[in-house]
């Protein structure tokens, strides 16, 4: 993984990228950095602006050459404010699968996904889960 992107939902082909970061050295396993102060080898390609309340953001990562992607997470500024130090918001791969994927307008689908498909875990749980994914 050497590229991370932050977009505003709903994602459309014409959606402008909000922010982007490059990793100087490809990353395996888990990684973290601050949007406003990238570190751990990450550099801002397009610095993150002030995030807006009520907007659902999508953070994804992968290989710049398109050879692979990681999972993604959606969040609002309100979601970030609810996270305490030592916690991480993730896409919940262990959740009970709903009878159907979100339906309705793109905006409603984004709200449903943000509210029902994400969860908060400790940094330790996040690191342990990423170790299980390492080759």
Foldseek 3Di string as FASTA:
>chain_A
DFKKWKFWPPDDPPGDTQWMKGAQDDDAFDDDADLQGGDPRIDTPGRHDPFDAPIKMKMWDDDPVPPTTDAIAIDGVVRVVPDDPQKDKDFDPPDDDDPDQDDDDRVRSSVCCNVPGMDMDGVVVRRVVRVVVGD
